Amino acid sequence: MILDYKKYHLVGIQGVGMTALALILADMGKEVTGSDSGEEFLTGEYLRKRSIKLFTSFSQENISDTQCVIYTGAHNGVQNIEVQEALQRNIPMYSLAQFVGELTNSKKTISICGCHGKTTTTALAVLAGEALGIPMSYYVGGAGFAGHSSGKWCNGGYFALESDEYVADPVADKVAKLEYIHPYAILCTNIDFDHPDVYSSIEEVEKVYLEYFKRLPQEGKLIICGEDERLVRVAKQSGHAFTTYQLNTEKPFQTALIGRHNQLNIIGVATLFSELGYNTADLSSAFVNFTGVSRRQEKIYENNNKIVFDDYGHHPAEIAATIKAVKSAYPAHHVTVLFQPHTYSRTEALKKEFIKALSIADDSFIFPIFGSAREKASDYSISSDRLIDLSKQSGIHTIQTIHTDDELTATTEKLTSQYSKLVIMTMGAGDVYKKHDLIKKALSSVQNSNAR
């Protein structure tokens, strides 16, 4: 059985999903090791706190005494040197999607899915369950939230799981991750077109969700956002009974989170637990102090009316919702977005939508595209400069490019000098968060100079 081993090795352990699984296995009393590049990730501190051994390069020697190897499509997937060694030695091996899917057989699973908002919503579900006194095991796709790590396993209760429609491995296993999950309850936030590298159309994405809803047991609960017409249509086609939620479903909950979409996420979670038989009036204080998940509208700097947010948003719908939320929360501030596009395929497929979303900010700056390891830039005609050309052709002149750190410093200093009230948002699923020290330094240098 998949959980009968004592020693597990995770290839690419610093990925958010892998770290969550490592923490879950550690909670189960398993011996866990992992390997990754020598690069520092946001998840590293959580692994160190649990004394999980991390190899900073990939080598056959790293799996010398392990009993089970777990991998993802990252770091060359099945072609990774450690995965190949496991195959040679007949060491039991599973993809992350397969392994997590097996975990859902061990406990009543609450599956939080949707193309946008699932990480925050899963974290909210964990907090709600804990507020109701329910033991909550969980798997969340962010480095941490509200004093919690990304993964936990405990006795009893539910397993709250962030579920993804992306495929298990774009090369070796093109089965949607959702297909490995065995849910008792599904909370779905929306359906959108987010992965043009593996899906050719929104209709293909709809089919994945349709089949997933059909697999719910008869007694299972299906809760969906009633404001998403596509999602409602797919739910109806599934033949399974479902409950909808929308902004007027309940009285708004008090929360530190900003934005209409986050109120929707909270109401979705309240509806879920109501359907599971709990009194949601007991949730009145569950979300008051919750400021979000790491890299989801995360405030990382505030001084003298200068604020910096960081957000994982990498799809036009997410970008638009986040910008609108920030502009609503800070109406007197000049709002600037520093966006790093993630993957050439997504940027090419949704280029017009990206331009429209970024134009909502007072101004936006685009970094070079952060490509997937599975992509070749030469296979695509899209680039950050090309996005600027297209935006100008559309009559939009508030979007520019940033190519170097020197340009970023100069841009930040200029904005800081020009606007007494300023919000800067770094956005993207790549490594744009690594620019924060540079941005903070530029902000501080101008403010210190002005104070003299």
Protein backbone atom coordinates (compact mmCIF):
# COMPACT_ATOMS: atom_id res chain seq x y z
CA MET A 1 0.00 0.00 0.00
CA ILE A 2 1.11 3.53 -0.76
CA LEU A 3 1.34 4.56 2.91
CA ASP A 4 3.03 1.38 4.17
CA TYR A 5 6.59 2.60 3.56
CA LYS A 6 8.74 4.23 6.21
CA LYS A 7 11.08 6.30 4.01
CA TYR A 8 9.93 8.65 1.22
CA HIS A 9 11.95 10.81 -1.13
CA LEU A 10 10.38 13.79 -2.93
CA VAL A 11 11.99 15.03 -6.15
CA GLY A 12 11.55 18.81 -6.33
CA ILE A 13 10.54 19.02 -2.68
CA GLN A 14 10.49 22.84 -2.51
CA GLY A 15 7.53 23.12 -4.86
CA VAL A 16 4.48 24.22 -2.86
CA GLY A 17 2.58 20.99 -3.47
CA MET A 18 5.59 18.83 -2.70
CA THR A 19 6.31 20.73 0.52
CA ALA A 20 2.70 20.28 1.62
CA LEU A 21 2.99 16.53 1.03
CA ALA A 22 6.34 16.36 2.84
CA LEU A 23 4.75 17.95 5.92
CA ILE A 24 1.80 15.56 5.73
CA LEU A 25 4.12 12.55 5.56
CA ALA A 26 6.14 13.91 8.49
CA ASP A 27 2.90 14.22 10.49
CA MET A 28 2.28 10.55 9.73
CA GLY A 29 5.61 9.69 11.30
CA LYS A 30 7.37 8.93 8.02
CA GLU A 31 11.03 9.65 7.33
CA VAL A 32 11.12 12.23 4.53
CA THR A 33 13.98 13.46 2.36
CA GLY A 34 13.88 15.57 -0.76
CA SER A 35 15.95 17.16 -3.46
CA ASP A 36 15.74 20.38 -5.43
CA SER A 37 17.90 22.94 -7.16
CA GLY A 38 20.21 24.96 -4.94
CA GLU A 39 17.86 27.92 -5.27
CA GLU A 40 16.09 29.26 -2.17
CA PHE A 41 12.28 28.98 -2.22
CA LEU A 42 9.61 30.39 0.08
CA THR A 43 8.85 26.86 1.28
CA GLY A 44 12.38 26.18 2.51
CA GLU A 45 11.80 27.53 6.02
CA TYR A 46 8.91 25.12 6.60
CA LEU A 47 11.06 22.14 5.64
CA ARG A 48 13.87 23.32 7.92
CA LYS A 49 11.48 23.74 10.85
CA ARG A 50 10.52 20.07 10.52
CA SER A 51 14.15 18.98 10.05
CA ILE A 52 13.35 17.43 6.67
CA LYS A 53 16.60 16.68 4.87
CA LEU A 54 17.00 18.64 1.64
CA PHE A 55 19.58 17.80 -1.02
CA THR A 56 20.44 20.90 -3.05
CA SER A 57 21.10 19.06 -6.30
CA PHE A 58 19.80 15.95 -8.05
CA SER A 59 21.83 12.75 -7.80
CA GLN A 60 21.31 8.96 -7.81
CA GLU A 61 22.91 8.90 -4.36
CA ASN A 62 20.06 10.94 -2.90
CA ILE A 63 17.73 7.94 -3.08
CA SER A 64 20.22 5.34 -1.86
CA ASP A 65 18.07 4.14 1.04
CA THR A 66 14.57 5.39 0.24
CA GLN A 67 11.61 3.04 -0.12
CA CYS A 68 9.34 5.24 -2.25
CA VAL A 69 9.99 8.10 -4.69
CA ILE A 70 7.49 10.85 -5.52
CA TYR A 71 7.96 13.24 -8.46
CA THR A 72 6.17 15.91 -10.50
CA GLY A 73 6.40 17.17 -14.06
CA ALA A 74 8.98 19.73 -12.91
CA HIS A 75 12.75 19.17 -13.07
CA ASN A 76 12.43 17.03 -16.21
CA GLY A 77 9.71 14.82 -14.74
CA VAL A 78 10.32 11.12 -15.34
CA GLN A 79 13.60 11.97 -17.05
CA ASN A 80 15.04 13.37 -13.81
CA ILE A 81 18.18 11.45 -12.83
CA GLU A 82 16.65 10.36 -9.50
CA VAL A 83 13.43 9.16 -11.08
CA GLN A 84 15.40 7.21 -13.67
CA GLU A 85 17.47 5.63 -10.90
CA ALA A 86 14.28 4.62 -9.08
CA LEU A 87 13.01 2.98 -12.28
CA GLN A 88 16.30 1.09 -12.71
CA ARG A 89 16.18 -0.19 -9.13
CA ASN A 90 12.43 -0.93 -9.14
CA ILE A 91 11.83 1.44 -6.24
CA PRO A 92 8.06 2.14 -5.96
CA MET A 93 7.36 5.48 -7.57
CA TYR A 94 4.33 7.77 -7.82
CA SER A 95 3.58 11.16 -9.29
CA LEU A 96 2.49 13.80 -6.80
CA ALA A 97 -1.01 13.71 -8.30
CA GLN A 98 -1.25 9.93 -7.86
CA PHE A 99 0.01 10.04 -4.29
CA VAL A 100 -2.25 12.86 -3.15
CA GLY A 101 -5.13 11.07 -4.87
CA GLU A 102 -4.45 8.03 -2.72
CA LEU A 103 -4.54 10.21 0.41
CA THR A 104 -8.11 11.17 -0.45
CA ASN A 105 -9.11 7.54 0.05
CA SER A 106 -7.99 7.78 3.68
CA LYS A 107 -10.38 10.48 4.88
CA LYS A 108 -13.53 12.36 3.87
CA THR A 109 -12.11 14.85 1.40
CA ILE A 110 -13.27 18.40 0.76
CA SER A 111 -11.98 19.24 -2.72
CA ILE A 112 -11.59 22.94 -3.48
CA CYS A 113 -11.27 23.40 -7.23
CA GLY A 114 -11.64 26.09 -9.89
CA CYS A 115 -9.29 27.97 -12.16
CA HIS A 116 -8.99 30.96 -9.80
CA GLY A 117 -9.16 31.38 -6.03
CA LYS A 118 -8.70 27.79 -4.93
CA THR A 119 -5.61 28.39 -2.75
CA THR A 120 -7.21 31.16 -0.70
CA THR A 121 -10.52 29.28 -0.54
CA THR A 122 -8.82 26.10 0.72
CA ALA A 123 -7.07 28.10 3.44
CA LEU A 124 -10.42 29.68 4.37
CA ALA A 125 -11.98 26.21 4.57
CA VAL A 126 -9.26 25.10 6.98
CA LEU A 127 -9.81 28.13 9.21
CA ALA A 128 -13.58 27.63 9.09
CA GLY A 129 -13.29 23.95 10.04
CA GLU A 130 -10.99 24.76 12.94
CA ALA A 131 -13.36 27.51 14.14
CA LEU A 132 -16.14 24.91 14.15
CA GLY A 133 -14.01 22.55 16.22
CA ILE A 134 -13.41 20.06 13.39
CA PRO A 135 -10.00 18.32 13.09
CA MET A 136 -8.68 19.50 9.73
CA SER A 137 -6.01 17.81 7.65
CA TYR A 138 -5.11 19.90 4.63
CA TYR A 139 -3.06 20.38 1.47
CA VAL A 140 -2.80 24.02 0.37
CA GLY A 141 -0.92 25.36 -2.66
CA GLY A 142 0.77 28.26 -0.91
CA ALA A 143 3.87 28.44 1.28
CA GLY A 144 1.85 29.28 4.40
CA PHE A 145 -1.20 31.08 5.80
CA ALA A 146 -2.38 32.48 9.13
CA GLY A 147 0.39 30.80 11.10
CA HIS A 148 -0.21 27.50 9.30
CA SER A 149 2.14 25.61 7.02
CA SER A 150 0.87 24.32 3.67
CA GLY A 151 0.24 20.73 4.77
CA LYS A 152 -0.98 18.87 7.85
CA TRP A 153 -2.37 15.46 8.75
CA CYS A 154 -4.32 14.66 11.91
CA ASN A 155 -6.78 12.09 13.21
CA GLY A 156 -10.46 12.34 12.29
CA GLY A 157 -12.22 15.24 10.65
CA TYR A 158 -11.87 16.19 7.00
CA PHE A 159 -9.07 16.49 4.48
CA ALA A 160 -9.31 19.92 2.81
CA LEU A 161 -7.52 19.67 -0.50
CA GLU A 162 -6.66 22.20 -3.19
CA SER A 163 -7.45 20.34 -6.43
CA ASP A 164 -6.06 21.28 -9.82
CA GLU A 165 -7.36 20.75 -13.36
CA TYR A 166 -3.81 20.81 -14.77
CA VAL A 167 -2.32 17.49 -15.90
CA ALA A 168 -0.18 15.30 -13.64
CA ASP A 169 2.83 15.46 -15.98
CA PRO A 170 2.68 17.29 -19.36
CA VAL A 171 5.07 14.75 -20.86
CA ALA A 172 4.47 11.38 -19.21
CA ASP A 173 0.98 11.59 -17.68
CA LYS A 174 -1.56 13.86 -19.34
CA VAL A 175 -4.36 12.81 -17.00
CA ALA A 176 -5.90 15.79 -15.19
CA LYS A 177 -4.91 15.85 -11.53
CA LEU A 178 -8.60 16.02 -10.64
CA GLU A 179 -9.07 12.50 -11.97
CA TYR A 180 -6.93 11.09 -9.16
CA ILE A 181 -9.02 12.75 -6.44
CA HIS A 182 -11.83 10.91 -4.60
CA PRO A 183 -13.94 13.71 -3.09
CA TYR A 184 -16.75 13.60 -0.59
CA ALA A 185 -17.54 17.29 -1.12
CA ILE A 186 -16.57 19.64 -3.95
CA LEU A 187 -16.47 23.42 -3.73
CA CYS A 188 -15.84 24.89 -7.19
CA THR A 189 -15.16 28.61 -7.60
CA ASN A 190 -15.21 28.97 -11.41
CA ILE A 191 -14.23 27.44 -14.75
CA ASP A 192 -11.87 29.32 -17.05
CA PHE A 193 -9.25 28.75 -19.74
CA ASP A 194 -5.88 28.82 -17.99
CA HIS A 195 -3.62 26.12 -19.47
CA PRO A 196 -3.31 26.44 -23.25
CA ASP A 197 -0.19 24.26 -23.13
CA VAL A 198 -2.30 21.19 -22.33
CA TYR A 199 -5.88 22.17 -23.28
CA SER A 200 -6.81 23.41 -26.74
CA SER A 201 -10.06 25.10 -25.71
CA ILE A 202 -12.34 26.04 -22.83
CA GLU A 203 -14.60 23.17 -23.91
CA GLU A 204 -11.85 20.68 -23.03
CA VAL A 205 -11.58 22.23 -19.58
CA GLU A 206 -15.36 21.98 -19.14
CA LYS A 207 -15.19 18.25 -19.91
CA VAL A 208 -12.63 17.73 -17.15
CA TYR A 209 -14.90 19.40 -14.61
CA LEU A 210 -18.00 17.63 -15.90
CA GLU A 211 -16.40 14.22 -15.45
CA TYR A 212 -15.13 15.24 -12.02
CA PHE A 213 -18.59 16.28 -10.83
CA LYS A 214 -20.05 13.03 -12.15
CA ARG A 215 -17.67 11.04 -9.98
CA LEU A 216 -19.05 12.46 -6.74
CA PRO A 217 -20.77 9.78 -4.64
CA GLN A 218 -24.52 10.13 -4.50
CA GLU A 219 -24.39 11.37 -0.92
CA GLY A 220 -21.56 13.77 -1.76
CA LYS A 221 -21.96 17.55 -1.72
CA LEU A 222 -21.44 19.80 -4.74
CA ILE A 223 -21.22 23.53 -4.02
CA ILE A 224 -20.60 25.94 -6.89
CA CYS A 225 -20.44 29.70 -7.45
CA GLY A 226 -23.78 30.65 -8.96
CA GLU A 227 -22.28 33.78 -10.54
CA ASP A 228 -20.32 31.68 -13.05
CA GLU A 229 -22.77 30.77 -15.84
CA ARG A 230 -20.40 28.24 -17.43
CA LEU A 231 -19.92 26.48 -14.09
CA VAL A 232 -23.67 26.32 -13.45
CA ARG A 233 -24.25 24.83 -16.90
CA VAL A 234 -21.60 22.14 -16.36
CA ALA A 235 -23.00 21.31 -12.92
CA LYS A 236 -26.46 20.84 -14.43
CA GLN A 237 -25.04 18.52 -17.08
CA SER A 238 -23.44 16.35 -14.39
CA GLY A 239 -26.81 15.21 -13.11
CA HIS A 240 -25.66 15.60 -9.50
CA ALA A 241 -27.61 17.72 -7.05
CA PHE A 242 -25.78 20.95 -6.26
CA THR A 243 -26.02 24.11 -4.18
CA THR A 244 -25.06 27.54 -5.48
CA TYR A 245 -23.69 30.54 -3.64
CA GLN A 246 -23.32 34.16 -4.66
CA LEU A 247 -22.59 37.46 -3.03
CA ASN A 248 -26.11 37.90 -1.67
CA THR A 249 -26.36 34.32 -0.33
CA GLU A 250 -25.35 35.42 3.17
CA LYS A 251 -24.61 38.52 5.11
CA PRO A 252 -20.99 39.53 4.34
CA PHE A 253 -18.43 38.24 6.82
CA GLN A 254 -15.97 40.59 8.47
CA THR A 255 -12.51 39.99 7.03
CA ALA A 256 -9.15 41.64 6.50
CA LEU A 257 -9.16 40.32 2.92
CA ILE A 258 -9.96 42.86 0.24
CA GLY A 259 -12.01 42.43 -2.90
CA ARG A 260 -15.40 41.16 -3.98
CA HIS A 261 -13.90 37.85 -5.08
CA ASN A 262 -12.67 37.13 -1.56
CA GLN A 263 -16.12 37.77 -0.08
CA LEU A 264 -17.39 35.25 -2.62
CA ASN A 265 -14.75 32.75 -1.52
CA ILE A 266 -15.74 33.18 2.12
CA ILE A 267 -19.45 32.77 1.35
CA GLY A 268 -18.61 29.66 -0.65
CA VAL A 269 -16.84 28.16 2.36
CA ALA A 270 -19.74 29.06 4.67
CA THR A 271 -22.17 27.44 2.22
CA LEU A 272 -19.99 24.32 2.13
CA PHE A 273 -20.03 23.83 5.91
CA SER A 274 -23.73 24.61 6.04
CA GLU A 275 -24.29 21.77 3.56
CA LEU A 276 -22.11 19.54 5.73
CA GLY A 277 -24.50 20.20 8.61
CA TYR A 278 -22.73 22.88 10.64
CA ASN A 279 -24.07 26.16 12.03
CA THR A 280 -22.28 28.83 10.03
CA ALA A 281 -23.24 31.51 12.55
CA ASP A 282 -20.28 30.12 14.49
CA LEU A 283 -18.00 31.38 11.69
CA SER A 284 -18.60 35.06 12.43
CA SER A 285 -15.07 35.58 13.79
CA ALA A 286 -13.24 32.91 11.79
CA PHE A 287 -11.95 35.24 9.05
CA VAL A 288 -11.60 38.57 10.86
CA ASN A 289 -7.81 38.58 11.08
CA PHE A 290 -7.02 36.46 8.04
CA THR A 291 -4.90 38.52 5.65
CA GLY A 292 -4.42 35.81 3.07
CA VAL A 293 -2.05 33.12 1.84
CA SER A 294 1.58 33.71 0.99
CA ARG A 295 1.79 35.41 -2.45
CA ARG A 296 -1.98 36.04 -2.60
CA GLN A 297 -2.60 39.78 -2.20
CA GLU A 298 0.14 39.64 0.42
CA LYS A 299 1.13 43.01 1.86
CA ILE A 300 4.92 42.94 2.18
CA TYR A 301 5.71 46.62 2.80
CA GLU A 302 3.97 49.72 4.15
CA ASN A 303 5.53 53.01 5.13
CA ASN A 304 4.45 56.62 4.74
CA ASN A 305 1.54 55.83 2.37
CA LYS A 306 3.78 53.64 0.20
CA ILE A 307 2.49 50.05 0.04
CA VAL A 308 3.77 46.96 -1.76
CA PHE A 309 1.60 43.91 -2.42
CA ASP A 310 2.72 40.61 -3.90
CA ASP A 311 0.34 38.34 -5.77
CA TYR A 312 0.57 35.03 -7.62
CA GLY A 313 -1.98 36.17 -10.22
CA HIS A 314 -0.97 34.87 -13.65
CA HIS A 315 -4.29 34.81 -15.53
CA PRO A 316 -6.08 37.94 -16.80
CA ALA A 317 -9.18 37.23 -14.70
CA GLU A 318 -7.07 37.01 -11.53
CA ILE A 319 -5.10 40.13 -12.42
CA ALA A 320 -8.26 42.16 -13.11
CA ALA A 321 -9.94 41.04 -9.86
CA THR A 322 -6.87 41.85 -7.77
CA ILE A 323 -6.32 45.29 -9.31
CA LYS A 324 -9.99 46.18 -8.83
CA ALA A 325 -9.83 45.03 -5.21
CA VAL A 326 -6.75 47.11 -4.45
CA LYS A 327 -8.10 50.21 -6.21
CA SER A 328 -11.32 49.88 -4.25
CA ALA A 329 -9.46 49.50 -0.95
CA TYR A 330 -7.03 52.36 -1.69
CA PRO A 331 -8.99 54.87 -3.81
CA ALA A 332 -6.64 57.77 -3.07
CA HIS A 333 -3.50 55.85 -4.07
CA HIS A 334 -1.81 55.61 -7.44
CA VAL A 335 -1.82 51.89 -8.28
CA THR A 336 1.10 50.47 -10.27
CA VAL A 337 1.44 46.83 -11.34
CA LEU A 338 4.79 45.14 -11.99
CA PHE A 339 3.79 42.03 -13.92
CA GLN A 340 5.86 39.02 -14.93
CA PRO A 341 4.02 36.88 -17.53
CA HIS A 342 4.24 33.15 -16.83
CA THR A 343 4.69 30.75 -19.78
CA TYR A 344 4.86 31.72 -23.43
CA SER A 345 1.83 29.57 -24.29
CA ARG A 346 -0.48 31.35 -21.84
CA THR A 347 0.84 34.80 -22.76
CA GLU A 348 0.33 34.10 -26.47
CA ALA A 349 -3.15 32.62 -26.07
CA LEU A 350 -4.45 35.38 -23.77
CA LYS A 351 -2.43 38.39 -24.92
CA LYS A 352 -5.45 40.64 -25.56
CA GLU A 353 -6.96 39.69 -22.21
CA PHE A 354 -3.68 40.46 -20.40
CA ILE A 355 -3.52 43.93 -21.96
CA LYS A 356 -7.12 44.66 -20.98
CA ALA A 357 -6.56 43.47 -17.38
CA LEU A 358 -3.32 45.41 -16.91
CA SER A 359 -4.92 48.59 -18.27
CA ILE A 360 -7.17 48.70 -15.17
CA ALA A 361 -4.18 49.83 -13.10
CA ASP A 362 -3.07 53.46 -13.24
CA ASP A 363 0.04 52.14 -14.94
CA SER A 364 1.67 48.74 -15.47
CA PHE A 365 5.15 47.53 -16.24
CA ILE A 366 5.88 44.13 -17.78
CA PHE A 367 8.99 42.06 -17.07
CA PRO A 368 10.36 39.54 -19.58
CA ILE A 369 8.26 36.37 -19.80
CA PHE A 370 9.08 33.65 -17.25
CA GLY A 371 8.91 30.57 -19.45
CA SER A 372 8.24 27.00 -18.46
CA ALA A 373 11.16 24.57 -18.63
CA ARG A 374 9.05 22.65 -21.16
CA GLU A 375 8.90 25.63 -23.54
CA LYS A 376 11.30 27.14 -26.04
CA ALA A 377 11.04 30.90 -26.50
CA SER A 378 11.98 30.44 -30.15
CA ASP A 379 8.75 28.51 -30.74
CA TYR A 380 6.66 31.60 -29.94
CA SER A 381 6.37 35.08 -31.42
CA ILE A 382 5.15 36.58 -28.15
CA SER A 383 7.34 38.70 -25.86
CA SER A 384 6.89 41.48 -23.33
CA ASP A 385 7.83 44.02 -26.00
CA ARG A 386 5.22 42.52 -28.31
CA LEU A 387 2.58 43.01 -25.60
CA ILE A 388 3.50 46.68 -25.43
CA ASP A 389 3.17 47.01 -29.21
CA LEU A 390 -0.26 45.40 -29.08
CA SER A 391 -1.38 47.61 -26.22
CA LYS A 392 -0.39 50.76 -28.13
CA GLN A 393 -2.26 49.49 -31.19
CA SER A 394 -5.30 49.20 -28.91
CA GLY A 395 -4.90 52.80 -27.79
CA ILE A 396 -3.56 51.85 -24.35
CA HIS A 397 -0.46 53.83 -23.35
CA THR A 398 -0.24 53.05 -19.62
CA ILE A 399 1.75 49.82 -20.08
CA GLN A 400 5.52 49.76 -20.43
CA THR A 401 8.35 47.22 -20.12
CA ILE A 402 11.09 46.72 -17.55
CA HIS A 403 14.06 44.65 -18.72
CA THR A 404 16.74 45.16 -16.07
CA ASP A 405 17.15 45.68 -12.33
CA ASP A 406 18.49 49.17 -13.00
CA GLU A 407 15.29 50.02 -14.87
CA LEU A 408 13.24 48.61 -11.97
CA THR A 409 15.12 50.74 -9.45
CA ALA A 410 14.77 53.88 -11.56
CA THR A 411 11.05 53.24 -12.14
CA THR A 412 10.39 52.64 -8.43
CA GLU A 413 12.29 55.76 -7.40
CA LYS A 414 10.43 57.86 -9.97
CA LEU A 415 7.03 56.58 -8.81
CA THR A 416 7.94 57.15 -5.17
CA SER A 417 8.94 60.74 -5.86
CA GLN A 418 5.95 61.42 -8.09
CA TYR A 419 3.11 60.08 -5.90
CA SER A 420 2.59 60.81 -2.21
CA LYS A 421 0.24 57.82 -1.98
CA LEU A 422 1.40 54.80 -3.93
CA VAL A 423 0.58 51.09 -4.19
CA ILE A 424 2.97 48.84 -6.09
CA MET A 425 1.87 45.29 -6.86
CA THR A 426 4.25 42.60 -8.06
CA MET A 427 2.27 39.94 -9.89
CA GLY A 428 3.08 36.64 -11.54
CA ALA A 429 3.64 32.92 -10.96
CA GLY A 430 7.37 33.02 -11.72
CA ASP A 431 10.14 34.50 -9.55
CA VAL A 432 9.05 38.14 -9.55
CA TYR A 433 8.89 37.98 -5.74
CA LYS A 434 12.70 37.97 -5.76
CA LYS A 435 12.58 41.64 -6.81
CA HIS A 436 11.09 42.73 -3.48
CA ASP A 437 14.35 43.65 -1.77
CA LEU A 438 15.27 45.85 -4.73
CA ILE A 439 11.86 47.55 -4.68
CA LYS A 440 11.94 48.12 -0.92
CA LYS A 441 15.46 49.55 -1.15
CA ALA A 442 14.40 51.99 -3.87
CA LEU A 443 11.33 53.04 -1.90
CA SER A 444 13.33 53.58 1.27
CA SER A 445 16.13 55.51 -0.42
CA VAL A 446 13.73 58.09 -1.84
CA GLN A 447 11.74 58.41 1.37
CA ASN A 448 14.92 58.77 3.46
CA SER A 449 16.20 61.38 1.03
CA ASN A 450 12.95 63.34 1.27
CA ALA A 451 13.06 63.19 5.06
CA ARG A 452 16.45 64.93 5.23
